[in-house]
Protein backbone atom coordinates (compact mmCIF):
# COMPACT_ATOMS: atom_id res chain seq x y z
CA UNK A 1 0.00 0.00 0.00
CA UNK A 2 1.90 3.00 -1.24
CA UNK A 3 1.56 6.08 -3.34
CA UNK A 4 2.56 9.73 -3.43
CA UNK A 5 -0.23 10.68 -1.04
CA UNK A 6 0.09 7.74 1.35
CA UNK A 7 1.52 8.23 4.84
CA UNK A 8 1.80 5.33 7.27
CA UNK A 9 1.61 7.72 10.23
CA UNK A 10 -1.56 9.31 8.82
CA UNK A 11 -3.06 5.86 8.14
CA UNK A 12 -2.42 4.89 11.76
CA UNK A 13 -3.98 8.08 13.12
CA UNK A 14 -7.09 7.82 10.95
CA UNK A 15 -7.67 4.05 10.85
CA UNK A 16 -5.74 2.05 13.41
CA UNK A 17 -5.60 4.38 16.43
CA UNK A 18 -9.20 3.60 17.31
CA UNK A 19 -8.42 -0.13 17.73
CA UNK A 20 -7.26 -0.83 21.27
CA UNK A 21 -5.40 -4.05 20.30
CA UNK A 22 -3.24 -1.94 17.99
CA UNK A 23 -3.03 1.24 20.08
CA UNK A 24 -2.14 -0.24 23.47
CA UNK A 25 0.99 -2.21 22.39
CA UNK A 26 2.17 0.80 20.41
CA UNK A 27 1.74 3.06 23.45
CA UNK A 28 3.53 0.55 25.70
CA UNK A 29 6.44 0.31 23.26
CA UNK A 30 6.63 4.09 22.96
CA UNK A 31 6.66 4.45 26.75
CA UNK A 32 9.44 1.84 27.06
CA UNK A 33 11.62 3.72 24.56
CA UNK A 34 10.81 7.05 26.22
CA UNK A 35 11.60 5.80 29.74
CA UNK A 36 14.84 4.14 28.62
CA UNK A 37 16.00 7.27 26.83
CA UNK A 38 15.22 9.83 29.57
CA UNK A 39 15.62 7.78 32.75
CA UNK A 40 18.38 5.31 31.84
CA UNK A 41 20.50 6.37 28.85
CA UNK A 42 20.44 10.14 29.36
CA UNK A 43 21.30 10.16 33.12
CA UNK A 44 24.09 7.64 32.44
CA UNK A 45 25.47 9.72 29.58
CA UNK A 46 25.35 12.92 31.61
CA UNK A 47 27.17 11.18 34.46
CA UNK A 48 30.06 10.16 32.19
CA UNK A 49 30.27 12.65 29.32
CA UNK A 50 30.69 16.45 29.74
CA UNK A 51 27.68 18.50 28.64
CA UNK A 52 29.38 20.32 25.75
CA UNK A 53 30.79 17.08 24.34
CA UNK A 54 27.28 15.64 24.41
CA UNK A 55 26.03 18.66 22.47
CA UNK A 56 28.65 18.08 19.79
CA UNK A 57 27.64 14.42 19.59
CA UNK A 58 23.97 15.29 19.03
CA UNK A 59 24.87 17.82 16.34
CA UNK A 60 26.92 15.21 14.44
CA UNK A 61 24.27 12.52 14.94
CA UNK A 62 21.65 14.83 13.42
CA UNK A 63 23.54 15.05 10.11
CA UNK A 64 22.59 12.85 7.16
CA UNK A 65 24.93 11.70 4.39
CA UNK A 66 23.08 13.93 1.96
CA UNK A 67 23.54 16.76 4.45
CA UNK A 68 27.29 16.22 4.44
CA UNK A 69 27.26 16.44 0.66
CA UNK A 70 25.26 19.68 0.80
CA UNK A 71 27.94 21.33 2.92
CA UNK A 72 30.25 21.25 -0.10
CA UNK A 73 27.76 21.58 -2.96
CA UNK A 74 25.30 24.27 -1.82
CA UNK A 75 26.01 27.96 -1.43
CA UNK A 76 24.96 29.39 1.95
CA UNK A 77 21.86 31.58 2.08
CA UNK A 78 22.29 35.15 3.38
CA UNK A 79 20.47 35.95 6.63
CA UNK A 80 18.63 39.22 7.25
CA UNK A 81 16.71 40.67 10.19
CA UNK A 82 13.04 41.60 10.17
CA UNK A 83 14.02 45.26 10.46
CA UNK A 84 16.24 45.22 7.36
CA UNK A 85 15.09 47.80 4.84
CA UNK A 86 13.43 47.09 1.48
CA UNK A 87 13.78 43.32 1.29
CA UNK A 88 12.39 41.51 -1.75
CA UNK A 89 8.89 40.27 -0.94
CA UNK A 90 8.31 42.65 1.97
CA UNK A 91 4.68 43.80 1.90
CA UNK A 92 4.40 45.89 5.05
CA UNK A 93 5.13 46.32 8.77
CA UNK A 94 2.64 47.25 11.49
CA UNK A 95 3.46 47.88 15.15
CA UNK A 96 1.23 46.03 17.65
CA UNK A 97 2.95 46.71 20.99
CA UNK A 98 5.50 49.51 21.56
CA UNK A 99 9.12 49.12 22.53
CA UNK A 100 9.79 49.23 26.26
CA UNK A 101 12.84 49.94 28.39
CA UNK A 102 13.07 47.44 31.24
CA UNK A 103 15.03 48.06 34.44
CA UNK A 104 16.93 44.93 35.50
CA UNK A 105 17.27 44.12 39.21
CA UNK A 106 19.25 41.47 41.03
CA UNK A 107 16.96 38.92 42.73
CA UNK A 108 17.13 38.11 46.44
CA UNK A 109 19.35 35.08 47.11
CA UNK A 110 19.35 32.53 49.93
CA UNK A 111 21.69 31.71 51.55
CA UNK A 112 23.32 35.19 51.48
CA UNK A 113 26.77 33.60 51.25
CA UNK A 114 26.00 32.55 47.64
CA UNK A 115 24.73 35.96 46.55
CA UNK A 116 27.95 36.63 44.63
CA UNK A 117 27.08 33.81 42.20
CA UNK A 118 24.14 35.82 40.93
CA UNK A 119 26.11 38.49 39.12
CA UNK A 120 24.39 41.79 38.56
CA UNK A 121 22.97 42.18 35.08
CA UNK A 122 23.00 45.35 32.96
CA UNK A 123 20.87 48.03 34.62
CA UNK A 124 18.34 48.04 31.79
CA UNK A 125 17.56 46.79 28.31
CA UNK A 126 15.19 47.98 25.62
CA UNK A 127 12.83 45.44 24.13
CA UNK A 128 11.91 46.42 20.55
CA UNK A 129 8.45 46.91 19.08
CA UNK A 130 6.35 43.80 18.66
CA UNK A 131 5.26 44.13 15.05
CA UNK A 132 3.36 42.35 12.32
CA UNK A 133 5.49 41.75 9.22
CA UNK A 134 4.02 40.68 5.90
CA UNK A 135 5.96 38.87 3.15
CA UNK A 136 5.12 37.67 -0.34
CA UNK A 137 6.19 34.28 -1.76
CA UNK A 138 7.61 32.89 1.49
CA UNK A 139 8.50 29.41 2.71
CA UNK A 140 7.73 28.29 6.28
CA UNK A 141 9.63 25.27 7.63
CA UNK A 142 8.39 23.16 10.53
CA UNK A 143 10.24 23.51 13.85
CA UNK A 144 11.85 26.82 12.94
CA UNK A 145 10.92 30.50 13.11
CA UNK A 146 13.31 31.40 10.28
CA UNK A 147 11.45 32.25 7.07
CA UNK A 148 12.83 31.89 3.54
CA UNK A 149 11.94 34.90 1.36
CA UNK A 150 13.50 35.69 -1.98
CA UNK A 151 16.47 33.36 -1.48
CA UNK A 152 17.21 34.79 1.98
CA UNK A 153 16.60 33.50 5.49
CA UNK A 154 14.72 36.13 7.48
CA UNK A 155 15.00 36.03 11.28
CA UNK A 156 13.92 38.21 14.19
CA UNK A 157 16.15 40.99 15.51
CA UNK A 158 16.89 39.44 18.92
CA UNK A 159 19.15 36.67 17.62
CA UNK A 160 22.87 37.19 18.21
CA UNK A 161 24.39 34.34 16.26
CA UNK A 162 27.94 35.05 17.40
CA UNK A 163 26.89 33.90 20.88
CA UNK A 164 23.47 32.20 20.44
CA UNK A 165 23.39 28.51 19.50
CA UNK A 166 20.14 27.29 17.93
CA UNK A 167 18.11 24.11 18.22
CA UNK A 168 18.20 23.73 14.45
CA UNK A 169 21.99 23.39 14.64
CA UNK A 170 21.81 20.87 17.47
CA UNK A 171 19.57 18.62 15.40
CA UNK A 172 21.70 18.91 12.27
CA UNK A 173 19.10 20.80 10.21
CA UNK A 174 21.26 23.80 9.42
CA UNK A 175 24.70 25.22 9.92
CA UNK A 176 24.90 28.90 10.80
CA UNK A 177 27.97 30.90 9.77
CA UNK A 178 27.99 33.87 12.19
CA UNK A 179 30.95 35.64 10.62
CA UNK A 180 29.25 35.67 7.22
CA UNK A 181 25.74 36.05 8.61
CA UNK A 182 24.68 33.18 6.42
CA UNK A 183 23.22 29.70 6.81
CA UNK A 184 23.62 26.36 5.08
CA UNK A 185 20.43 24.32 5.08
CA UNK A 186 21.52 20.73 5.73
CA UNK A 187 18.04 19.31 5.18
CA UNK A 188 15.80 20.14 2.26
CA UNK A 189 12.22 20.25 3.66
CA UNK A 190 9.45 18.50 1.78
CA UNK A 191 6.90 21.12 0.67
CA UNK A 192 3.55 19.58 1.54
CA UNK A 193 1.11 22.47 1.20
CA UNK A 194 0.65 25.74 -0.67
CA UNK A 195 -1.47 28.48 0.92
CA UNK A 196 -2.70 31.81 -0.35
CA UNK A 197 -2.59 33.55 3.06
CA UNK A 198 -1.12 32.22 6.30
CA UNK A 199 0.51 33.29 9.56
CA UNK A 200 3.65 31.46 10.76
CA UNK A 201 4.04 30.47 14.43
CA UNK A 202 6.41 27.54 14.02
CA UNK A 203 9.43 27.49 16.32
CA UNK A 204 12.31 25.14 17.08
CA UNK A 205 11.40 25.21 20.79
CA UNK A 206 7.61 25.28 20.44
CA UNK A 207 7.20 21.95 22.25
CA UNK A 208 8.83 23.33 25.41
CA UNK A 209 6.21 24.84 27.76
CA UNK A 210 8.37 27.76 28.95
CA UNK A 211 9.43 28.74 25.42
CA UNK A 212 5.84 28.42 24.26
CA UNK A 213 4.45 30.67 27.03
CA UNK A 214 7.02 33.43 26.61
CA UNK A 215 7.95 33.26 22.91
CA UNK A 216 5.20 31.64 20.82
CA UNK A 217 1.95 32.35 22.70
CA UNK A 218 2.70 36.12 22.99
CA UNK A 219 3.06 36.22 19.20
CA UNK A 220 -0.31 34.50 18.79
CA UNK A 221 -1.85 36.95 21.24
CA UNK A 222 -0.33 39.93 19.40
CA UNK A 223 -1.68 38.59 16.10
CA UNK A 224 -5.16 38.38 17.61
CA UNK A 225 -4.81 41.95 18.89
CA UNK A 226 -3.85 43.09 15.39
CA UNK A 227 -7.09 41.63 14.04
CA UNK A 228 -7.16 38.02 12.85
CA UNK A 229 -7.75 37.97 9.05
CA UNK A 230 -10.63 35.69 8.11
CA UNK A 231 -8.71 34.05 5.25
CA UNK A 232 -5.45 33.39 7.15
CA UNK A 233 -4.38 29.87 8.10
CA UNK A 234 -2.38 29.55 11.32
CA UNK A 235 0.76 27.45 10.80
CA UNK A 236 1.87 25.53 13.90
CA UNK A 237 4.20 22.61 14.55
CA UNK A 238 2.63 19.17 14.62
CA UNK A 239 2.73 17.12 17.81
CA UNK A 240 2.17 19.96 20.28
CA UNK A 241 0.85 19.05 23.72
CA UNK A 242 -2.90 19.47 24.20
CA UNK A 243 -2.31 22.31 26.69
CA UNK A 244 -0.32 24.29 24.12
CA UNK A 245 -3.00 23.82 21.48
CA UNK A 246 -5.68 24.83 24.00
CA UNK A 247 -3.85 28.08 24.76
CA UNK A 248 -3.50 28.84 21.03
CA UNK A 249 -7.20 28.23 20.40
CA UNK A 250 -8.04 30.35 23.43
CA UNK A 251 -6.15 33.49 22.39
CA UNK A 252 -7.11 33.25 18.71
CA UNK A 253 -10.75 32.31 19.18
CA UNK A 254 -12.89 29.55 17.70
CA UNK A 255 -12.77 30.97 14.17
CA UNK A 256 -9.05 30.32 13.69
CA UNK A 257 -8.01 27.72 11.11
CA UNK A 258 -4.90 25.70 11.91
CA UNK A 259 -2.52 23.70 9.76
CA UNK A 260 0.04 21.56 11.55
CA UNK A 261 3.42 21.17 9.85
CA UNK A 262 5.10 17.81 10.40
CA UNK A 263 8.88 17.74 11.07
CA UNK A 264 10.86 17.86 7.84
CA UNK A 265 8.05 19.55 5.90
CA UNK A 266 7.39 23.08 4.73
CA UNK A 267 4.61 25.28 3.38
CA UNK A 268 4.86 27.85 0.61
CA UNK A 269 2.68 30.90 1.12
CA UNK A 270 1.68 33.66 -1.30
CA UNK A 271 1.11 36.19 1.51
CA UNK A 272 2.66 35.40 4.89
CA UNK A 273 2.13 37.16 8.23
CA UNK A 274 4.91 36.93 10.82
CA UNK A 275 4.81 38.50 14.31
CA UNK A 276 8.09 39.48 15.95
CA UNK A 277 8.77 37.92 19.38
CA UNK A 278 7.36 39.11 22.70
CA UNK A 279 10.18 37.34 24.51
CA UNK A 280 13.41 35.51 23.73
CA UNK A 281 15.99 33.34 25.48
CA UNK A 282 18.83 31.70 23.49
CA UNK A 283 18.51 27.93 23.17
CA UNK A 284 22.15 27.56 24.22
CA UNK A 285 25.47 29.42 24.16
CA UNK A 286 27.67 29.04 21.11
CA UNK A 287 30.87 29.15 23.14
CA UNK A 288 31.89 29.68 26.74
CA UNK A 289 29.73 31.90 28.92
CA UNK A 290 30.49 35.61 28.53
CA UNK A 291 29.46 38.51 30.81
CA UNK A 292 27.27 40.01 28.07
CA UNK A 293 25.35 36.83 27.25
CA UNK A 294 21.58 37.20 27.19
CA UNK A 295 19.65 35.81 30.14
CA UNK A 296 16.33 36.35 28.43
CA UNK A 297 14.49 39.52 27.43
CA UNK A 298 10.75 40.07 27.50
CA UNK A 299 8.22 42.66 26.33
CA UNK A 300 6.25 43.99 29.35
CA UNK A 301 3.33 45.45 27.36
CA UNK A 302 2.92 42.21 25.40
CA UNK A 303 3.08 39.81 28.37
CA UNK A 304 0.84 41.99 30.54
CA UNK A 305 -1.70 42.39 27.78
CA UNK A 306 -1.72 38.61 27.26
CA UNK A 307 -2.19 37.98 31.00
CA UNK A 308 -5.10 40.44 31.13
CA UNK A 309 -6.75 38.92 28.08
CA UNK A 310 -6.44 35.37 29.38
CA UNK A 311 -7.90 36.53 32.68
CA UNK A 312 -10.88 38.00 30.87
CA UNK A 313 -11.35 34.87 28.76
CA UNK A 314 -10.94 32.33 31.55
CA UNK A 315 -12.61 34.27 34.36
CA UNK A 316 -11.85 33.76 38.03
CA UNK A 317 -11.98 29.97 37.82
CA UNK A 318 -13.86 27.43 39.93
CA UNK A 319 -12.45 28.71 43.25
CA UNK A 320 -10.69 26.74 45.93
CA UNK A 321 -7.21 27.13 44.45
CA UNK A 322 -4.53 26.95 47.17
CA UNK A 323 -2.93 30.18 48.33
CA UNK A 324 0.44 28.50 48.98
CA UNK A 325 1.81 26.02 46.46
CA UNK A 326 4.84 23.75 46.20
CA UNK A 327 5.45 22.97 42.53
CA UNK A 328 6.66 19.40 42.17
CA UNK A 329 8.05 18.02 38.95
CA UNK A 330 8.91 14.67 37.45
CA UNK A 331 11.86 15.04 35.14
CA UNK A 332 15.00 13.24 34.06
CA UNK A 333 17.21 16.24 34.83
CA UNK A 334 17.53 19.22 37.19
CA UNK A 335 15.70 17.22 39.86
CA UNK A 336 15.49 18.60 43.39
CA UNK A 337 16.58 15.46 45.20
CA UNK A 338 15.29 16.48 48.66
CA UNK A 339 11.89 17.58 47.39
CA UNK A 340 10.10 15.17 49.75
CA UNK A 341 11.83 16.69 52.78
CA UNK A 342 10.92 20.16 51.54
CA UNK A 343 7.27 19.19 51.17
CA UNK A 344 7.23 17.78 54.69
CA UNK A 345 8.56 21.04 56.19
CA UNK A 346 6.28 23.28 54.13
CA UNK A 347 3.07 21.34 54.78
CA UNK A 348 2.53 22.79 58.32
CA UNK A 349 2.75 26.28 56.75
CA UNK A 350 -0.22 25.50 54.52
CA UNK A 351 1.65 24.61 51.30
CA UNK A 352 -0.09 22.22 48.92
CA UNK A 353 2.01 20.08 46.53
CA UNK A 354 0.97 20.38 42.87
CA UNK A 355 2.15 18.61 39.70
CA UNK A 356 1.46 21.14 36.91
CA UNK A 357 1.82 18.53 34.16
CA UNK A 358 -1.39 16.95 35.45
CA UNK A 359 -3.35 20.18 35.02
CA UNK A 360 -4.96 21.70 31.95
CA UNK A 361 -3.76 25.04 30.66
CA UNK A 362 -6.76 26.81 32.22
CA UNK A 363 -6.12 25.12 35.58
CA UNK A 364 -2.46 26.19 35.54
CA UNK A 365 -3.48 29.75 34.71
CA UNK A 366 -5.98 29.88 37.59
CA UNK A 367 -3.46 28.30 39.98
CA UNK A 368 -0.73 30.85 39.33
CA UNK A 369 -2.98 33.89 38.91
CA UNK A 370 -4.45 33.33 42.37
CA UNK A 371 -1.43 32.08 44.30
CA UNK A 372 0.05 34.12 47.16
CA UNK A 373 3.29 32.13 47.53
CA UNK A 374 4.76 29.60 45.12
CA UNK A 375 7.89 27.49 45.70
CA UNK A 376 9.49 25.15 43.19
CA UNK A 377 12.60 23.96 41.41
CA UNK A 378 13.63 25.62 38.16
CA UNK A 379 11.73 24.09 35.26
CA UNK A 380 9.34 24.86 32.43
CA UNK A 381 6.27 24.94 34.70
CA UNK A 382 7.69 27.95 36.55
CA UNK A 383 7.11 30.02 33.39
CA UNK A 384 3.51 30.18 34.62
CA UNK A 385 4.79 32.95 36.91
CA UNK A 386 3.91 35.38 34.10
CA UNK A 387 0.30 34.89 35.25
CA UNK A 388 1.07 35.79 38.89
CA UNK A 389 -0.13 38.98 40.53
CA UNK A 390 2.60 41.49 41.45
CA UNK A 391 1.98 40.75 45.14
CA UNK A 392 2.79 37.05 44.73
CA UNK A 393 5.90 35.67 46.41
CA UNK A 394 7.87 33.48 43.98
CA UNK A 395 10.69 31.27 45.33
CA UNK A 396 12.74 29.27 42.81
CA UNK A 397 15.34 26.64 43.73
CA UNK A 398 18.44 26.22 41.53
CA UNK A 399 21.82 24.54 41.62
CA UNK A 400 24.65 26.81 42.77
CA UNK A 401 26.68 26.98 39.57
CA UNK A 402 28.49 30.11 38.36
CA UNK A 403 27.30 29.78 34.73
CA UNK A 404 23.57 29.51 35.44
CA UNK A 405 21.34 31.97 33.56
CA UNK A 406 20.19 33.52 36.83
CA UNK A 407 18.63 36.50 35.11
CA UNK A 408 16.06 34.37 33.24
CA UNK A 409 13.33 34.00 35.86
CA UNK A 410 13.92 37.46 37.30
CA UNK A 411 13.69 39.15 33.89
CA UNK A 412 10.54 37.20 33.12
CA UNK A 413 8.97 38.12 36.45
CA UNK A 414 9.86 41.81 36.18
CA UNK A 415 8.17 42.00 32.79
CA UNK A 416 4.85 41.31 34.52
CA UNK A 417 5.57 43.38 37.64
CA UNK A 418 6.77 40.55 39.91
CA UNK A 419 10.07 39.61 41.53
CA UNK A 420 11.61 36.26 42.40
CA UNK A 421 13.73 34.92 45.23
CA UNK A 422 16.38 32.27 44.56
CA UNK A 423 17.40 29.45 46.87
CA UNK A 424 20.70 27.93 45.74
CA UNK A 425 22.11 24.54 46.66
CA UNK A 426 24.93 22.15 45.73
CA UNK A 427 24.89 19.78 42.77
CA UNK A 428 23.85 16.28 43.82
CA UNK A 429 24.42 14.47 40.53
CA UNK A 430 27.21 14.46 37.99
CA UNK A 431 28.93 17.83 37.67
CA UNK A 432 29.50 17.12 33.98
CA UNK A 433 25.77 17.63 33.42
CA UNK A 434 26.22 21.36 34.08
CA UNK A 435 23.05 23.31 34.77
CA UNK A 436 21.02 20.16 34.02
CA UNK A 437 22.48 18.30 37.00
CA UNK A 438 20.32 17.20 39.94
CA UNK A 439 20.76 19.29 43.08
CA UNK A 440 19.59 19.83 46.64
CA UNK A 441 18.83 22.88 48.76
CA UNK A 442 18.86 23.57 52.47
CA UNK A 443 15.23 23.45 53.60
CA UNK A 444 15.94 26.16 56.16
CA UNK A 445 17.01 28.48 53.33
CA UNK A 446 13.68 27.87 51.60
CA UNK A 447 11.80 28.62 54.83
CA UNK A 448 13.81 31.84 55.22
CA UNK A 449 12.93 32.90 51.66
CA UNK A 450 9.26 32.12 52.21
CA UNK A 451 9.02 33.90 55.54
CA UNK A 452 11.14 36.95 54.70
CA UNK A 453 8.98 40.05 54.82
CA UNK A 454 9.20 43.00 52.50
CA UNK A 455 7.86 44.07 49.12
CA UNK A 456 7.82 41.39 46.44
CA UNK A 457 7.19 43.65 43.46
CA UNK A 458 9.17 46.71 42.53
CA UNK A 459 7.98 49.93 44.18
CA UNK A 460 8.38 51.73 40.87
CA UNK A 461 7.27 50.59 37.46
CA UNK A 462 10.03 48.22 36.20
CA UNK A 463 9.50 49.39 32.60
CA UNK A 464 8.35 52.31 30.54
CA UNK A 465 7.59 52.82 26.91
CA UNK A 466 10.74 53.53 24.96
CA UNK A 467 8.73 55.63 22.53
CA UNK A 468 7.88 58.09 25.32
CA UNK A 469 11.51 59.19 25.68
């Protein structure tokens, strides 16, 4: 059974998935592979092999023989920013949210003896306008936010390729040449669909909850604020978690039409809408950590507008959400090894343990938008802090390593008027795993962070419109 239009995966989803005798063994086999990879092979590899050597291994593994041939045969494509003037195919730019200057502050640290690890960041940064860009005759590739227009690769202005390492490179899909500001595409995507009008929201990190909340969902929200065209198809990556799809449908409304791009495929579009980011954090560092490396930047007007709109759409919720929450997580890395002891000490103070991965998107929004105090280890679920009220107390536990991106959670929190407190502790697993190593914290330090009095949010507005200067 074959043919140009036949797909075994599509046949399974449409025909065989309904049959339990077929579905259950497949799910059991998938779970066995998943568990072995994340709970056996990966921890063992991280215990033996240094993190950066592992990254190099994955990049080489992602290459195909045809990709190796393309390195020598194909000319690299020039890369240009959204803001570049008069590009071929450019059909217009419209500002949705204004630029904003954000004042950076150092978070509170417990214990105080480790405060020096959290180096002070630049006093402020200016996040650019969040704008709607329109291109003619464009190509959108799954799992990437880089658009091909007129023989060029167009990317947003926040990338700094001399220091930012991308997920596309890790998986052997492209090779970026920072000195030449060019890219070699190591995989030729299979064009599966042609659309007259579409909006691109694909992203190499779209499957990650934190990247989705702060980088993809704000773009969807901004597009809705700009006025969703009736004839536009929304391009998203296939395989997104149900919670991510629910959030997309929520901000865009029931009238939105979606097309899911499978990995390795692309869509050609006559008229393409692209929204610049409302937040950005590099996937990884290209080289060794430098003092000027980005720890994440975020657009306050965009994130606050999104929080307000979600609040209006979802309402106050069913009620009964706990005021004090301990976020627990099940993960193969960055595990807080004494989490049980922490839960035992926090329980008498009224803290309720919660596993966010068991909650719907709406339930996570209501949990964080109503919480008074939240404690948890660093992880994707903590990105829900963008829904917290400015009065909320946010305590995040991290391993005490000098090259952590300590500014990430604080910058994110300040964009929505909040502040965080860090509790640092020693690495408990293999040091070669770097910031992904398991760790522990002193429970007394967590209690001190929770019980410390004082203002949680900045007394003054942490941002102002850059256009007002």
